């Protein structure tokens, strides 16, 4: 890893906080970020405005990060330009997902070569991230806290992951490091999943009233594969051609009455 790649590790990492209830926790997270050299903060639908006095008090010198923080209404807006998404999860899920420890996060960031940010996603203080939000992630990361008392403040969780990134950025450059490659971005992946779901229903492979588990399993498969942009374009092309072939077959099989109705 070169010095440029070390700096990139911090510069490319975006902290995304989803529906954080207390502005004070966002301020404390900003402080945790600044002490480790991270600068990108995006907040999705915060419970209190970032201008709240408690946020500035807990930021304690990191008010400039709060002032620059981007507040958005949707997770789509927070992740649209991201190459890789890692979601924090405090509990095991019914459907296993690729997991990282905090110490493994920097290597995953390095492997995701690209021009867009890498998002570290943090959920609500009480309930964390929803299953649907976690399904947007390439990896889940679990902080192995004391099982007898695993209640970790959100700003403390931000501090732990930022620390691991800082530590990796300061490490001596290894003689060799894991293969890096460009990944399809979050926005492109979401477009593909929406298109795939529509076509699976259209070809009657999927029940429109019972899609959740199927799409969750498909998401896990594609997120684990981490397709490159050219590979995702190929997959999108297959789905588009399936859609066109189905339309042609339906047109060819339509009866005279159907064709006459179509020309009205």
C-alpha atoms as a PDB file:
ATOM      1  CA  UNK A   1       0.000   0.000   0.000  1.00  0.00           C
ATOM      2  CA  UNK A   2       1.516   3.331  -1.069  1.00  0.00           C
ATOM      3  CA  UNK A   3       1.286   6.572   0.928  1.00  0.00           C
ATOM      4  CA  UNK A   4      -1.367   7.749  -1.540  1.00  0.00           C
ATOM      5  CA  UNK A   5      -3.421   4.611  -0.879  1.00  0.00           C
ATOM      6  CA  UNK A   6      -2.990   5.096   2.884  1.00  0.00           C
ATOM      7  CA  UNK A   7      -4.381   8.626   2.645  1.00  0.00           C
ATOM      8  CA  UNK A   8      -7.152   7.366   0.367  1.00  0.00           C
ATOM      9  CA  UNK A   9      -8.228   4.897   3.038  1.00  0.00           C
ATOM     10  CA  UNK A  10      -9.371   7.801   5.221  1.00  0.00           C
ATOM     11  CA  UNK A  11     -10.380  10.241   2.489  1.00  0.00           C
ATOM     12  CA  UNK A  12     -12.677   7.750   0.723  1.00  0.00           C
ATOM     13  CA  UNK A  13     -14.487   6.550   3.854  1.00  0.00           C
ATOM     14  CA  UNK A  14     -17.888   8.111   4.499  1.00  0.00           C
ATOM     15  CA  UNK A  15     -19.654   7.723   7.834  1.00  0.00           C
ATOM     16  CA  UNK A  16     -23.422   7.436   7.284  1.00  0.00           C
ATOM     17  CA  UNK A  17     -25.707   7.702  10.343  1.00  0.00           C
ATOM     18  CA  UNK A  18     -29.321   6.634   9.816  1.00  0.00           C
ATOM     19  CA  UNK A  19     -32.134   8.252  11.843  1.00  0.00           C
ATOM     20  CA  UNK A  20     -29.916   9.045  14.830  1.00  0.00           C
ATOM     21  CA  UNK A  21     -32.279  10.243  17.573  1.00  0.00           C
ATOM     22  CA  UNK A  22     -29.974  12.566  19.524  1.00  0.00           C
ATOM     23  CA  UNK A  23     -27.938  15.370  17.989  1.00  0.00           C
ATOM     24  CA  UNK A  24     -25.441  14.893  20.830  1.00  0.00           C
ATOM     25  CA  UNK A  25     -24.574  11.462  19.458  1.00  0.00           C
ATOM     26  CA  UNK A  26     -23.924  12.937  16.017  1.00  0.00           C
ATOM     27  CA  UNK A  27     -21.661  15.556  17.599  1.00  0.00           C
ATOM     28  CA  UNK A  28     -19.754  12.862  19.485  1.00  0.00           C
ATOM     29  CA  UNK A  29     -19.413  10.830  16.277  1.00  0.00           C
ATOM     30  CA  UNK A  30     -18.005  13.906  14.496  1.00  0.00           C
ATOM     31  CA  UNK A  31     -15.403  14.218  17.253  1.00  0.00           C
ATOM     32  CA  UNK A  32     -14.532  10.529  16.924  1.00  0.00           C
ATOM     33  CA  UNK A  33     -14.076  10.972  13.170  1.00  0.00           C
ATOM     34  CA  UNK A  34     -11.902  14.071  13.426  1.00  0.00           C
ATOM     35  CA  UNK A  35      -9.523  12.507  15.951  1.00  0.00           C
ATOM     36  CA  UNK A  36      -8.867   9.722  13.430  1.00  0.00           C
ATOM     37  CA  UNK A  37      -8.649  11.931  10.326  1.00  0.00           C
ATOM     38  CA  UNK A  38     -11.989  11.168   8.629  1.00  0.00           C
ATOM     39  CA  UNK A  39     -14.004  14.066   7.219  1.00  0.00           C
ATOM     40  CA  UNK A  40     -17.072  12.738   5.345  1.00  0.00           C
ATOM     41  CA  UNK A  41     -20.270  12.651   7.421  1.00  0.00           C
ATOM     42  CA  UNK A  42     -23.767  12.068   6.012  1.00  0.00           C
ATOM     43  CA  UNK A  43     -26.842  11.939   8.248  1.00  0.00           C
ATOM     44  CA  UNK A  44     -30.138  10.416   7.108  1.00  0.00           C
ATOM     45  CA  UNK A  45     -33.288  11.891   8.707  1.00  0.00           C
ATOM     46  CA  UNK A  46     -31.804  12.864  12.103  1.00  0.00           C
ATOM     47  CA  UNK A  47     -34.188  13.144  15.039  1.00  0.00           C
ATOM     48  CA  UNK A  48     -32.775  16.566  15.981  1.00  0.00           C
ATOM     49  CA  UNK A  49     -31.111  19.281  13.892  1.00  0.00           C
ATOM     50  CA  UNK A  50     -27.327  19.271  13.755  1.00  0.00           C
ATOM     51  CA  UNK A  51     -27.416  22.900  14.922  1.00  0.00           C
ATOM     52  CA  UNK A  52     -28.629  21.706  18.340  1.00  0.00           C
ATOM     53  CA  UNK A  53     -26.393  22.997  21.145  1.00  0.00           C
ATOM     54  CA  UNK A  54     -25.814  19.466  22.414  1.00  0.00           C
ATOM     55  CA  UNK A  55     -24.302  18.468  19.077  1.00  0.00           C
ATOM     56  CA  UNK A  56     -21.759  21.295  19.182  1.00  0.00           C
ATOM     57  CA  UNK A  57     -20.943  20.587  22.825  1.00  0.00           C
ATOM     58  CA  UNK A  58     -20.228  16.899  22.170  1.00  0.00           C
ATOM     59  CA  UNK A  59     -18.310  17.694  18.980  1.00  0.00           C
ATOM     60  CA  UNK A  60     -15.788  19.543  21.166  1.00  0.00           C
ATOM     61  CA  UNK A  61     -13.637  21.022  18.415  1.00  0.00           C
ATOM     62  CA  UNK A  62     -15.102  19.087  15.501  1.00  0.00           C
ATOM     63  CA  UNK A  63     -17.851  21.634  14.825  1.00  0.00           C
ATOM     64  CA  UNK A  64     -16.429  22.120  11.321  1.00  0.00           C
ATOM     65  CA  UNK A  65     -17.339  18.505  10.496  1.00  0.00           C
ATOM     66  CA  UNK A  66     -20.880  19.134  11.724  1.00  0.00           C
ATOM     67  CA  UNK A  67     -21.121  22.282   9.618  1.00  0.00           C
ATOM     68  CA  UNK A  68     -19.996  20.368   6.516  1.00  0.00           C
ATOM     69  CA  UNK A  69     -22.123  17.290   7.227  1.00  0.00           C
ATOM     70  CA  UNK A  70     -24.712  16.489   4.581  1.00  0.00           C
ATOM     71  CA  UNK A  71     -28.277  15.859   5.801  1.00  0.00           C
ATOM     72  CA  UNK A  72     -30.413  13.784   3.391  1.00  0.00           C
ATOM     73  CA  UNK A  73     -33.925  12.362   3.384  1.00  0.00           C
ATOM     74  CA  UNK A  74     -33.191   8.880   2.033  1.00  0.00           C
ATOM     75  CA  UNK A  75     -30.568   6.180   2.263  1.00  0.00           C
ATOM     76  CA  UNK A  76     -30.507   6.170  -1.543  1.00  0.00           C
ATOM     77  CA  UNK A  77     -29.218   9.745  -1.486  1.00  0.00           C
ATOM     78  CA  UNK A  78     -26.548   8.873   1.080  1.00  0.00           C
ATOM     79  CA  UNK A  79     -25.231   5.869  -0.873  1.00  0.00           C
ATOM     80  CA  UNK A  80     -25.849   6.818  -4.505  1.00  0.00           C
ATOM     81  CA  UNK A  81     -22.184   7.449  -5.426  1.00  0.00           C
ATOM     82  CA  UNK A  82     -20.621   4.804  -3.153  1.00  0.00           C
ATOM     83  CA  UNK A  83     -18.490   1.919  -4.443  1.00  0.00           C
ATOM     84  CA  UNK A  84     -18.774  -0.212  -1.303  1.00  0.00           C
ATOM     85  CA  UNK A  85     -21.196  -0.260   1.654  1.00  0.00           C
ATOM     86  CA  UNK A  86     -20.425  -1.836   5.039  1.00  0.00           C
ATOM     87  CA  UNK A  87     -23.234  -1.952   7.594  1.00  0.00           C
ATOM     88  CA  UNK A  88     -22.824  -2.298  11.348  1.00  0.00           C
ATOM     89  CA  UNK A  89     -24.889  -5.071  12.907  1.00  0.00           C
ATOM     90  CA  UNK A  90     -25.166  -5.897  16.606  1.00  0.00           C
ATOM     91  CA  UNK A  91     -27.130  -9.104  16.193  1.00  0.00           C
ATOM     92  CA  UNK A  92     -27.038 -12.224  14.044  1.00  0.00           C
ATOM     93  CA  UNK A  93     -29.512 -12.429  11.167  1.00  0.00           C
ATOM     94  CA  UNK A  94     -31.698 -15.283   9.971  1.00  0.00           C
ATOM     95  CA  UNK A  95     -29.971 -15.057   6.586  1.00  0.00           C
ATOM     96  CA  UNK A  96     -26.164 -15.107   7.020  1.00  0.00           C
ATOM     97  CA  UNK A  97     -24.289 -12.292   5.266  1.00  0.00           C
ATOM     98  CA  UNK A  98     -20.566 -11.801   4.534  1.00  0.00           C
ATOM     99  CA  UNK A  99     -19.144 -10.642   7.879  1.00  0.00           C
ATOM    100  CA  UNK A 100     -16.115  -8.582   8.838  1.00  0.00           C
ATOM    101  CA  UNK A 101     -14.471  -7.776  12.119  1.00  0.00           C
ATOM    102  CA  UNK A 102     -13.558  -4.111  12.625  1.00  0.00           C
ATOM    103  CA  UNK A 103      -9.910  -4.991  11.924  1.00  0.00           C
ATOM    104  CA  UNK A 104     -10.849  -6.485   8.543  1.00  0.00           C
ATOM    105  CA  UNK A 105     -12.677  -3.363   7.338  1.00  0.00           C
ATOM    106  CA  UNK A 106      -9.594  -1.476   6.029  1.00  0.00           C
ATOM    107  CA  UNK A 107      -8.607  -4.384   3.737  1.00  0.00           C
ATOM    108  CA  UNK A 108     -12.142  -4.449   2.292  1.00  0.00           C
ATOM    109  CA  UNK A 109     -11.928  -0.701   1.645  1.00  0.00           C
ATOM    110  CA  UNK A 110      -8.556  -1.094  -0.093  1.00  0.00           C
ATOM    111  CA  UNK A 111      -9.862  -3.857  -2.359  1.00  0.00           C
ATOM    112  CA  UNK A 112     -12.755  -1.660  -3.526  1.00  0.00           C
ATOM    113  CA  UNK A 113     -10.750   0.363  -5.999  1.00  0.00           C
ATOM    114  CA  UNK A 114     -12.766   3.202  -7.512  1.00  0.00           C
ATOM    115  CA  UNK A 115     -13.464   6.886  -7.521  1.00  0.00           C
ATOM    116  CA  UNK A 116     -16.480   6.897  -5.207  1.00  0.00           C
ATOM    117  CA  UNK A 117     -16.647   6.799  -1.412  1.00  0.00           C
ATOM    118  CA  UNK A 118     -16.895   3.721   0.782  1.00  0.00           C
ATOM    119  CA  UNK A 119     -19.789   4.019   3.240  1.00  0.00           C
ATOM    120  CA  UNK A 120     -19.740   2.767   6.827  1.00  0.00           C
ATOM    121  CA  UNK A 121     -23.387   2.589   7.810  1.00  0.00           C
ATOM    122  CA  UNK A 122     -24.585   3.093  11.409  1.00  0.00           C
ATOM    123  CA  UNK A 123     -28.198   2.605  12.529  1.00  0.00           C
ATOM    124  CA  UNK A 124     -30.505   3.925  15.211  1.00  0.00           C
ATOM    125  CA  UNK A 125     -29.446   4.032  18.853  1.00  0.00           C
ATOM    126  CA  UNK A 126     -32.136   1.590  19.995  1.00  0.00           C
ATOM    127  CA  UNK A 127     -32.713  -0.698  17.028  1.00  0.00           C
ATOM    128  CA  UNK A 128     -29.729  -0.339  14.693  1.00  0.00           C
ATOM    129  CA  UNK A 129     -30.218  -0.876  10.971  1.00  0.00           C
ATOM    130  CA  UNK A 130     -33.300  -2.591   9.542  1.00  0.00           C
ATOM    131  CA  UNK A 131     -33.010  -5.819   7.567  1.00  0.00           C
ATOM    132  CA  UNK A 132     -33.801  -3.870   4.393  1.00  0.00           C
ATOM    133  CA  UNK A 133     -30.986  -1.397   5.103  1.00  0.00           C
ATOM    134  CA  UNK A 134     -28.529  -4.193   5.877  1.00  0.00           C
ATOM    135  CA  UNK A 135     -29.483  -5.820   2.572  1.00  0.00           C
ATOM    136  CA  UNK A 136     -27.977  -2.760   0.851  1.00  0.00           C
ATOM    137  CA  UNK A 137     -24.524  -3.670   2.205  1.00  0.00           C
ATOM    138  CA  UNK A 138     -21.717  -5.716   0.673  1.00  0.00           C
ATOM    139  CA  UNK A 139     -20.541  -6.669   4.174  1.00  0.00           C
ATOM    140  CA  UNK A 140     -21.794  -6.523   7.739  1.00  0.00           C
ATOM    141  CA  UNK A 141     -19.371  -5.667  10.517  1.00  0.00           C
ATOM    142  CA  UNK A 142     -19.881  -6.798  14.098  1.00  0.00           C
ATOM    143  CA  UNK A 143     -17.985  -5.311  17.044  1.00  0.00           C
ATOM    144  CA  UNK A 144     -17.314  -8.201  19.461  1.00  0.00           C
ATOM    145  CA  UNK A 145     -18.376  -6.450  22.653  1.00  0.00           C
ATOM    146  CA  UNK A 146     -18.852  -8.104  26.035  1.00  0.00           C
ATOM    147  CA  UNK A 147     -21.795 -10.511  25.521  1.00  0.00           C
ATOM    148  CA  UNK A 148     -22.976  -9.772  29.070  1.00  0.00           C
ATOM    149  CA  UNK A 149     -23.163  -6.049  28.288  1.00  0.00           C
ATOM    150  CA  UNK A 150     -22.987  -5.328  24.581  1.00  0.00           C
ATOM    151  CA  UNK A 151     -24.791  -1.967  24.613  1.00  0.00           C
ATOM    152  CA  UNK A 152     -22.317   0.182  22.698  1.00  0.00           C
ATOM    153  CA  UNK A 153     -22.941   3.905  22.231  1.00  0.00           C
ATOM    154  CA  UNK A 154     -23.152   4.776  18.545  1.00  0.00           C
ATOM    155  CA  UNK A 155     -20.322   7.317  18.775  1.00  0.00           C
ATOM    156  CA  UNK A 156     -18.139   4.671  20.434  1.00  0.00           C
ATOM    157  CA  UNK A 157     -18.896   2.309  17.541  1.00  0.00           C
ATOM    158  CA  UNK A 158     -17.896   5.051  15.081  1.00  0.00           C
ATOM    159  CA  UNK A 159     -14.679   5.580  17.072  1.00  0.00           C
ATOM    160  CA  UNK A 160     -13.731   1.890  16.911  1.00  0.00           C
ATOM    161  CA  UNK A 161     -14.097   1.613  13.140  1.00  0.00           C
ATOM    162  CA  UNK A 162     -12.403   4.966  12.515  1.00  0.00           C
ATOM    163  CA  UNK A 163      -9.523   3.867  14.744  1.00  0.00           C
ATOM    164  CA  UNK A 164      -9.009   0.682  12.730  1.00  0.00           C
ATOM    165  CA  UNK A 165      -8.910   2.713   9.518  1.00  0.00           C
ATOM    166  CA  UNK A 166      -6.436   5.141  11.081  1.00  0.00           C
ATOM    167  CA  UNK A 167      -4.247   2.303  12.297  1.00  0.00           C
ATOM    168  CA  UNK A 168      -4.190   0.720   8.835  1.00  0.00           C
ATOM    169  CA  UNK A 169      -3.369   4.049   7.188  1.00  0.00           C
ATOM    170  CA  UNK A 170      -0.306   4.468   9.435  1.00  0.00           C
ATOM    171  CA  UNK A 171       1.016   0.924   8.985  1.00  0.00           C
ATOM    172  CA  UNK A 172       4.196   0.406   6.932  1.00  0.00           C
ATOM    173  CA  UNK A 173       3.469  -0.291   3.285  1.00  0.00           C
ATOM    174  CA  UNK A 174       3.425  -4.089   2.783  1.00  0.00           C
ATOM    175  CA  UNK A 175       5.409  -5.687  -0.035  1.00  0.00           C
ATOM    176  CA  UNK A 176       2.175  -6.999  -1.487  1.00  0.00           C
ATOM    177  CA  UNK A 177      -1.469  -6.453  -0.719  1.00  0.00           C
ATOM    178  CA  UNK A 178      -4.785  -7.900  -1.763  1.00  0.00           C
ATOM    179  CA  UNK A 179      -5.986  -7.515  -5.331  1.00  0.00           C
ATOM    180  CA  UNK A 180      -7.895  -4.317  -5.935  1.00  0.00           C
ATOM    181  CA  UNK A 181     -10.596  -3.943  -8.541  1.00  0.00           C
ATOM    182  CA  UNK A 182     -13.409  -1.535  -9.387  1.00  0.00           C
ATOM    183  CA  UNK A 183     -16.839  -2.456  -8.070  1.00  0.00           C
ATOM    184  CA  UNK A 184     -20.280  -1.618  -9.400  1.00  0.00           C
ATOM    185  CA  UNK A 185     -21.639   1.332  -7.424  1.00  0.00           C
ATOM    186  CA  UNK A 186     -24.566   1.260  -5.008  1.00  0.00           C
ATOM    187  CA  UNK A 187     -26.883   3.193  -7.343  1.00  0.00           C
ATOM    188  CA  UNK A 188     -26.165   0.849 -10.274  1.00  0.00           C
ATOM    189  CA  UNK A 189     -26.759  -2.204  -8.075  1.00  0.00           C
ATOM    190  CA  UNK A 190     -30.103  -0.870  -6.868  1.00  0.00           C
ATOM    191  CA  UNK A 191     -31.159  -0.223 -10.459  1.00  0.00           C
ATOM    192  CA  UNK A 192     -30.248  -3.799 -11.343  1.00  0.00           C
ATOM    193  CA  UNK A 193     -32.117  -5.297  -8.381  1.00  0.00           C
ATOM    194  CA  UNK A 194     -35.259  -3.325  -9.247  1.00  0.00           C
ATOM    195  CA  UNK A 195     -35.028  -4.418 -12.903  1.00  0.00           C
ATOM    196  CA  UNK A 196     -34.339  -8.052 -11.958  1.00  0.00           C
ATOM    197  CA  UNK A 197     -37.285  -8.168  -9.555  1.00  0.00           C
ATOM    198  CA  UNK A 198     -39.626  -6.745 -12.180  1.00  0.00           C
ATOM    199  CA  UNK A 199     -38.560  -9.327 -14.775  1.00  0.00           C
ATOM    200  CA  UNK A 200     -38.671 -12.269 -12.342  1.00  0.00           C
ATOM    201  CA  UNK A 201     -42.299 -11.396 -11.620  1.00  0.00           C
ATOM    202  CA  UNK A 202     -43.014 -10.877 -15.325  1.00  0.00           C
ATOM    203  CA  UNK A 203     -41.694 -14.321 -16.314  1.00  0.00           C
ATOM    204  CA  UNK A 204     -43.641 -15.817 -13.378  1.00  0.00           C
ATOM    205  CA  UNK A 205     -40.502 -17.070 -11.639  1.00  0.00           C
ATOM    206  CA  UNK A 206     -41.387 -15.042  -8.546  1.00  0.00           C
ATOM    207  CA  UNK A 207     -44.671 -14.496  -6.727  1.00  0.00           C
ATOM    208  CA  UNK A 208     -45.271 -10.714  -6.548  1.00  0.00           C
ATOM    209  CA  UNK A 209     -46.861 -11.209  -3.118  1.00  0.00           C
ATOM    210  CA  UNK A 210     -43.915 -13.181  -1.726  1.00  0.00           C
ATOM    211  CA  UNK A 211     -40.735 -11.528  -2.980  1.00  0.00           C
ATOM    212  CA  UNK A 212     -38.891 -10.576   0.175  1.00  0.00           C
ATOM    213  CA  UNK A 213     -36.934 -13.764   0.911  1.00  0.00           C
ATOM    214  CA  UNK A 214     -36.108 -14.421  -2.741  1.00  0.00           C
ATOM    215  CA  UNK A 215     -34.733 -10.925  -3.328  1.00  0.00           C
ATOM    216  CA  UNK A 216     -32.841 -11.027  -0.024  1.00  0.00           C
ATOM    217  CA  UNK A 217     -31.101 -14.249  -1.084  1.00  0.00           C
ATOM    218  CA  UNK A 218     -30.316 -12.824  -4.524  1.00  0.00           C
ATOM    219  CA  UNK A 219     -28.954  -9.634  -2.947  1.00  0.00           C
ATOM    220  CA  UNK A 220     -26.701 -11.684  -0.685  1.00  0.00           C
ATOM    221  CA  UNK A 221     -25.402 -13.626  -3.688  1.00  0.00           C
ATOM    222  CA  UNK A 222     -24.607 -10.530  -5.756  1.00  0.00           C
ATOM    223  CA  UNK A 223     -23.156  -8.597  -2.813  1.00  0.00           C
ATOM    224  CA  UNK A 224     -20.871 -11.532  -2.040  1.00  0.00           C
ATOM    225  CA  UNK A 225     -19.788 -11.702  -5.690  1.00  0.00           C
ATOM    226  CA  UNK A 226     -19.107  -7.926  -5.762  1.00  0.00           C
ATOM    227  CA  UNK A 227     -19.534  -7.514  -9.543  1.00  0.00           C
ATOM    228  CA  UNK A 228     -17.425  -5.036 -11.460  1.00  0.00           C
ATOM    229  CA  UNK A 229     -19.212  -2.365 -13.555  1.00  0.00           C
ATOM    230  CA  UNK A 230     -18.695  -4.270 -16.809  1.00  0.00           C
ATOM    231  CA  UNK A 231     -20.033  -7.470 -15.206  1.00  0.00           C
ATOM    232  CA  UNK A 232     -23.116  -5.683 -13.894  1.00  0.00           C
ATOM    233  CA  UNK A 233     -23.719  -4.211 -17.348  1.00  0.00           C
ATOM    234  CA  UNK A 234     -23.582  -7.746 -18.753  1.00  0.00           C
ATOM    235  CA  UNK A 235     -26.108  -8.982 -16.179  1.00  0.00           C
ATOM    236  CA  UNK A 236     -28.355  -5.991 -16.867  1.00  0.00           C
ATOM    237  CA  UNK A 237     -28.153  -6.775 -20.593  1.00  0.00           C
ATOM    238  CA  UNK A 238     -29.269 -10.379 -19.986  1.00  0.00           C
ATOM    239  CA  UNK A 239     -32.267  -9.183 -17.978  1.00  0.00           C
ATOM    240  CA  UNK A 240     -33.150  -6.588 -20.643  1.00  0.00           C
ATOM    241  CA  UNK A 241     -32.945  -9.199 -23.421  1.00  0.00           C
ATOM    242  CA  UNK A 242     -35.160 -11.547 -21.388  1.00  0.00           C
ATOM    243  CA  UNK A 243     -37.688  -8.744 -21.105  1.00  0.00           C
ATOM    244  CA  UNK A 244     -37.602  -8.092 -24.867  1.00  0.00           C
ATOM    245  CA  UNK A 245     -37.862 -11.792 -25.755  1.00  0.00           C
ATOM    246  CA  UNK A 246     -40.864 -12.174 -23.473  1.00  0.00           C
ATOM    247  CA  UNK A 247     -42.584  -9.199 -25.119  1.00  0.00           C
ATOM    248  CA  UNK A 248     -41.950 -10.659 -28.600  1.00  0.00           C
ATOM    249  CA  UNK A 249     -43.262 -14.072 -27.545  1.00  0.00           C
ATOM    250  CA  UNK A 250     -46.411 -12.537 -26.116  1.00  0.00           C
ATOM    251  CA  UNK A 251     -46.948 -10.515 -29.283  1.00  0.00           C
ATOM    252  CA  UNK A 252     -46.489 -13.613 -31.475  1.00  0.00           C
ATOM    253  CA  UNK A 253     -48.917 -15.644 -29.359  1.00  0.00           C
ATOM    254  CA  UNK A 254     -51.572 -12.962 -29.229  1.00  0.00           C
ATOM    255  CA  UNK A 255     -54.829 -13.867 -30.999  1.00  0.00           C
ATOM    256  CA  UNK A 256     -56.411 -11.735 -33.754  1.00  0.00           C
ATOM    257  CA  UNK A 257     -58.743 -10.105 -31.254  1.00  0.00           C
ATOM    258  CA  UNK A 258     -55.792  -9.144 -29.091  1.00  0.00           C
ATOM    259  CA  UNK A 259     -53.910  -7.659 -32.045  1.00  0.00           C
ATOM    260  CA  UNK A 260     -56.974  -5.725 -33.175  1.00  0.00           C
ATOM    261  CA  UNK A 261     -57.408  -4.357 -29.660  1.00  0.00           C
ATOM    262  CA  UNK A 262     -53.728  -3.343 -29.594  1.00  0.00           C
ATOM    263  CA  UNK A 263     -54.177  -1.256 -32.751  1.00  0.00           C
ATOM    264  CA  UNK A 264     -57.214   0.654 -31.419  1.00  0.00           C
END
